[in-house]
């Protein structure tokens, strides 16, 4: 998801998206450990999304 798309969302939507994305990262890590997931790039993309959301939340709270 692009930064521009995230800017259009409300604070509540960003909070729920953040928690869902964090849960997805945990699940992806479990799948990697179990040998079920071969594309580990997906984890990097999710972590980048988390960073974007946190950046937006920090700038909106000021």
Protein backbone atom coordinates (compact mmCIF):
# COMPACT_ATOMS: atom_id res chain seq x y z
CA UNK A 1 0.00 0.00 0.00
CA UNK A 2 1.35 3.40 -0.96
CA UNK A 3 1.84 6.27 1.47
CA UNK A 4 -0.71 8.37 -0.41
CA UNK A 5 -3.35 5.70 0.12
CA UNK A 6 -2.61 5.58 3.82
CA UNK A 7 -2.98 9.35 4.20
CA UNK A 8 -6.65 9.10 3.20
CA UNK A 9 -7.46 6.79 6.11
CA UNK A 10 -8.62 7.81 9.57
CA UNK A 11 -6.61 7.25 12.76
CA UNK A 12 -8.88 4.36 13.76
CA UNK A 13 -8.46 2.66 10.41
CA UNK A 14 -4.70 3.05 10.67
CA UNK A 15 -4.69 1.52 14.16
CA UNK A 16 -6.66 -1.52 13.02
CA UNK A 17 -4.51 -1.89 9.91
CA UNK A 18 -1.39 -1.70 12.07
CA UNK A 19 -2.55 -4.45 14.41
CA UNK A 20 -3.63 -6.68 11.52
CA UNK A 21 -0.34 -6.19 9.71
CA UNK A 22 1.65 -7.02 12.84
CA UNK A 23 -0.34 -10.23 13.23
CA UNK A 24 0.35 -11.08 9.59
CA UNK A 25 4.10 -10.62 10.14
CA UNK A 26 4.01 -13.02 13.09
CA UNK A 27 2.10 -15.57 11.02
CA UNK A 28 4.54 -15.19 8.13
CA UNK A 29 7.50 -15.74 10.44
CA UNK A 30 5.87 -18.92 11.74
CA UNK A 31 5.37 -20.13 8.18
CA UNK A 32 9.02 -19.44 7.35
CA UNK A 33 10.15 -21.35 10.43
CA UNK A 34 7.91 -24.27 9.48
CA UNK A 35 9.25 -24.25 5.93
CA UNK A 36 5.87 -23.46 4.40
CA UNK A 37 6.74 -20.02 3.05
CA UNK A 38 9.42 -19.66 0.42
CA UNK A 39 8.92 -15.97 -0.46
CA UNK A 40 10.39 -14.15 2.53
CA UNK A 41 10.15 -10.83 0.70
CA UNK A 42 6.54 -10.67 1.84
CA UNK A 43 7.76 -10.11 5.40
CA UNK A 44 9.86 -7.15 4.29
CA UNK A 45 6.89 -5.60 2.52
CA UNK A 46 4.69 -5.96 5.60
CA UNK A 47 7.37 -4.43 7.83
CA UNK A 48 7.68 -1.50 5.44
CA UNK A 49 3.92 -1.01 5.64
CA UNK A 50 4.13 -1.03 9.45
CA UNK A 51 6.83 1.65 9.32
CA UNK A 52 4.71 3.80 7.02
CA UNK A 53 1.70 3.52 9.29
CA UNK A 54 3.75 4.37 12.39
CA UNK A 55 5.21 7.39 10.61
CA UNK A 56 1.77 8.62 9.69
CA UNK A 57 0.42 8.09 13.19
CA UNK A 58 3.35 9.99 14.69
CA UNK A 59 2.91 12.95 12.37
CA UNK A 60 -0.86 13.12 12.88
CA UNK A 61 -0.63 13.16 16.69
CA UNK A 62 1.45 16.35 16.72
